[in-house]
Protein backbone atom coordinates (compact mmCIF):
# COMPACT_ATOMS: atom_id res chain seq x y z
CA UNK A 1 -0.13 -0.28 0.07
CA UNK A 2 1.64 3.27 -0.73
CA UNK A 3 1.81 5.90 1.83
CA UNK A 4 -0.32 8.80 2.12
CA UNK A 5 1.24 12.47 1.61
CA UNK A 6 0.57 15.39 4.08
CA UNK A 7 2.23 19.08 4.16
CA UNK A 8 1.73 21.13 6.80
CA UNK A 9 3.91 24.58 8.05
CA UNK A 10 4.01 23.58 11.77
CA UNK A 11 4.35 20.19 13.52
CA UNK A 12 3.94 19.69 17.19
CA UNK A 13 4.71 16.21 19.00
CA UNK A 14 2.51 16.15 21.68
CA UNK A 15 -0.83 17.46 22.71
CA UNK A 16 0.00 18.71 25.90
CA UNK A 17 -0.59 22.23 27.59
CA UNK A 18 2.52 23.58 25.70
CA UNK A 19 1.84 21.62 22.53
CA UNK A 20 -1.64 23.04 22.37
CA UNK A 21 -0.34 26.53 22.88
CA UNK A 22 1.76 26.54 20.45
CA UNK A 23 -0.56 25.34 17.88
CA UNK A 24 -2.55 28.25 19.17
CA UNK A 25 -0.18 30.82 18.67
CA UNK A 26 0.98 29.52 15.36
CA UNK A 27 -2.66 29.37 14.15
CA UNK A 28 -2.76 33.16 14.82
CA UNK A 29 -0.24 33.62 12.40
CA UNK A 30 -1.75 31.79 9.55
CA UNK A 31 0.12 28.83 9.96
CA UNK A 32 -1.32 25.67 9.23
CA UNK A 33 -0.81 23.79 12.24
CA UNK A 34 -0.98 19.63 12.99
CA UNK A 35 -0.56 18.73 16.56
CA UNK A 36 0.48 14.53 17.17
CA UNK A 37 -0.35 12.58 19.90
CA UNK A 38 0.37 8.68 20.98
CA UNK A 39 -2.25 9.05 23.23
CA UNK A 40 -6.03 8.67 23.14
CA UNK A 41 -7.32 11.93 24.51
CA UNK A 42 -5.36 15.61 24.45
CA UNK A 43 -4.55 17.19 27.48
CA UNK A 44 -3.98 14.11 29.87
CA UNK A 45 -1.49 15.30 32.20
CA UNK A 46 -3.99 18.61 32.38
CA UNK A 47 -6.93 16.66 33.40
CA UNK A 48 -4.56 14.99 36.28
CA UNK A 49 -3.08 18.86 37.27
CA UNK A 50 -3.70 20.01 40.50
CA UNK A 51 -6.22 17.27 41.98
CA UNK A 52 -8.07 17.45 38.85
CA UNK A 53 -8.71 21.38 39.13
CA UNK A 54 -5.54 22.70 37.22
CA UNK A 55 -3.12 24.97 38.17
CA UNK A 56 -3.20 27.02 35.34
CA UNK A 57 -0.77 30.07 36.15
CA UNK A 58 0.14 32.02 39.32
CA UNK A 59 0.13 35.54 40.21
CA UNK A 60 3.92 36.16 40.52
CA UNK A 61 5.76 34.93 37.31
CA UNK A 62 9.60 35.72 37.00
CA UNK A 63 12.18 34.54 34.65
CA UNK A 64 14.23 33.65 38.32
CA UNK A 65 11.56 30.97 38.03
CA UNK A 66 12.86 28.97 35.30
CA UNK A 67 16.00 27.34 34.72
CA UNK A 68 17.24 28.06 30.81
CA UNK A 69 20.79 28.18 28.81
CA UNK A 70 20.19 31.50 27.88
CA UNK A 71 18.23 33.39 30.68
CA UNK A 72 17.19 36.05 28.11
CA UNK A 73 14.96 33.90 26.63
CA UNK A 74 12.55 33.57 29.91
CA UNK A 75 12.60 37.02 30.15
CA UNK A 76 11.46 37.56 26.46
CA UNK A 77 8.83 34.84 26.72
CA UNK A 78 7.49 35.94 29.56
CA UNK A 79 7.16 39.42 28.27
CA UNK A 80 5.45 38.49 24.95
CA UNK A 81 2.69 36.16 26.52
CA UNK A 82 2.24 36.82 30.36
CA UNK A 83 0.34 35.29 32.87
CA UNK A 84 -2.14 38.11 32.83
CA UNK A 85 -2.61 36.91 28.96
CA UNK A 86 -4.02 33.70 30.18
CA UNK A 87 -6.10 34.53 32.97
CA UNK A 88 -7.87 37.20 30.51
CA UNK A 89 -8.71 33.85 28.34
CA UNK A 90 -10.13 32.18 31.20
CA UNK A 91 -11.96 35.03 31.91
CA UNK A 92 -13.24 35.52 28.12
CA UNK A 93 -14.26 31.92 28.79
CA UNK A 94 -16.16 32.50 32.19
CA UNK A 95 -14.32 29.75 33.79
CA UNK A 96 -14.66 30.40 37.42
CA UNK A 97 -11.33 30.11 39.56
CA UNK A 98 -9.60 31.05 43.23
CA UNK A 99 -6.42 31.56 44.52
CA UNK A 100 -4.52 29.27 46.95
CA UNK A 101 -1.57 29.63 48.60
CA UNK A 102 1.58 31.15 46.74
CA UNK A 103 -0.60 33.28 44.42
CA UNK A 104 -1.39 29.80 42.59
CA UNK A 105 -4.83 29.82 40.17
CA UNK A 106 -6.75 26.72 40.05
CA UNK A 107 -10.61 26.23 38.43
CA UNK A 108 -13.07 26.33 40.37
CA UNK A 109 -14.94 23.64 38.65
CA UNK A 110 -12.42 20.72 36.91
CA UNK A 111 -9.14 20.64 35.12
CA UNK A 112 -11.70 20.35 31.82
CA UNK A 113 -12.46 23.72 31.89
CA UNK A 114 -8.82 24.72 30.84
CA UNK A 115 -8.20 21.77 28.29
CA UNK A 116 -11.97 22.85 26.77
CA UNK A 117 -10.47 26.45 26.47
CA UNK A 118 -7.13 25.37 24.58
CA UNK A 119 -8.74 22.95 22.47
CA UNK A 120 -11.53 25.64 21.20
CA UNK A 121 -8.74 28.14 20.66
CA UNK A 122 -6.97 25.51 18.50
CA UNK A 123 -9.60 24.70 16.73
CA UNK A 124 -10.77 28.68 16.37
CA UNK A 125 -7.13 29.17 14.60
CA UNK A 126 -8.01 25.74 12.41
CA UNK A 127 -5.13 23.87 14.30
CA UNK A 128 -5.73 20.21 13.53
CA UNK A 129 -4.98 17.38 16.15
CA UNK A 130 -4.14 13.49 15.32
CA UNK A 131 -4.59 11.62 18.26
CA UNK A 132 -3.70 7.75 18.34
CA UNK A 133 -0.48 8.45 16.52
CA UNK A 134 2.84 7.00 16.31
CA UNK A 135 5.88 8.77 14.93
CA UNK A 136 8.13 6.28 12.92
CA UNK A 137 10.72 8.28 11.81
CA UNK A 138 12.00 12.15 11.31
CA UNK A 139 14.62 13.14 9.23
CA UNK A 140 15.89 16.53 8.20
CA UNK A 141 15.30 17.39 4.75
CA UNK A 142 17.53 19.63 2.11
CA UNK A 143 15.62 22.56 2.09
CA UNK A 144 16.01 22.57 6.28
CA UNK A 145 12.11 21.60 6.69
CA UNK A 146 11.33 17.87 8.10
CA UNK A 147 9.94 15.00 7.10
CA UNK A 148 8.30 12.98 9.71
CA UNK A 149 6.81 9.33 9.10
CA UNK A 150 3.69 8.23 11.47
CA UNK A 151 1.40 5.39 11.67
CA UNK A 152 -2.24 6.34 12.27
CA UNK A 153 -5.35 3.74 11.92
CA UNK A 154 -2.83 1.03 10.72
CA UNK A 155 -1.81 3.76 8.06
CA UNK A 156 1.79 5.07 7.40
CA UNK A 157 1.60 8.74 6.31
CA UNK A 158 4.67 10.98 5.41
CA UNK A 159 4.11 14.71 6.60
CA UNK A 160 6.62 17.47 4.90
CA UNK A 161 7.05 20.33 7.34
CA UNK A 162 7.26 23.22 5.16
CA UNK A 163 7.20 25.96 7.24
CA UNK A 164 11.44 26.58 6.35
CA UNK A 165 10.12 26.21 2.91
CA UNK A 166 7.48 28.65 2.92
CA UNK A 167 9.66 31.42 4.61
CA UNK A 168 12.68 31.00 2.13
CA UNK A 169 9.91 31.15 -1.02
CA UNK A 170 8.47 34.64 0.95
CA UNK A 171 12.38 35.71 1.77
CA UNK A 172 12.66 34.91 -2.15
CA UNK A 173 9.44 37.02 -3.25
CA UNK A 174 10.44 40.23 -0.97
CA UNK A 175 13.88 40.36 -2.55
CA UNK A 176 12.74 40.03 -6.05
CA UNK A 177 10.03 43.14 -5.49
CA UNK A 178 12.56 45.18 -3.68
CA UNK A 179 14.81 44.33 -6.64
CA UNK A 180 12.21 45.21 -9.38
CA UNK A 181 11.50 48.29 -7.40
CA UNK A 182 15.10 49.56 -7.50
CA UNK A 183 15.04 48.86 -10.98
CA UNK A 184 11.91 50.74 -11.79
CA UNK A 185 13.15 54.07 -9.89
CA UNK A 186 16.53 53.55 -11.26
CA UNK A 187 14.87 53.40 -14.86
CA UNK A 188 12.83 56.21 -14.15
CA UNK A 189 15.97 58.80 -13.58
CA UNK A 190 17.37 57.63 -16.12
CA UNK A 191 15.47 59.15 -18.76
């Protein structure tokens, strides 16, 4: 049986909180997003966190709370999407929450509320999620993208991650447009 072929701009391995947030943010940027997970349901760890109530953020978050080879990365990341941004998202969905010790925020009802927010936002920005999917192989392509071979419902599929190729194409078109504009300006002054 021949392999199926798929193409995507962004491929995310893991339908966890981080994976779903990544899918949402990439989707906001008009990227074609595919999230793969071996589990039969997305966000299983979200559902278990906080005793089923999900500690979804803290009031106080600083770069010093994170370990990184590049400490400036955490500062940059935290300034671009803050705990206040996530709290605003939770409030947009009218999810009741409460504060526990040390500024930890938990859902009043269930961790499912947070998972449902992430899944709704992912769907809103056209992110696709493939569950029960095994990754068989990952290879770097000559065009700086990746090929991923997966098994899903007893079918082997080859996925081409095309983001890098798309960025190269956009850069090439921009350079061509700039060169054409420069040529036009040069041509109009020479008459």
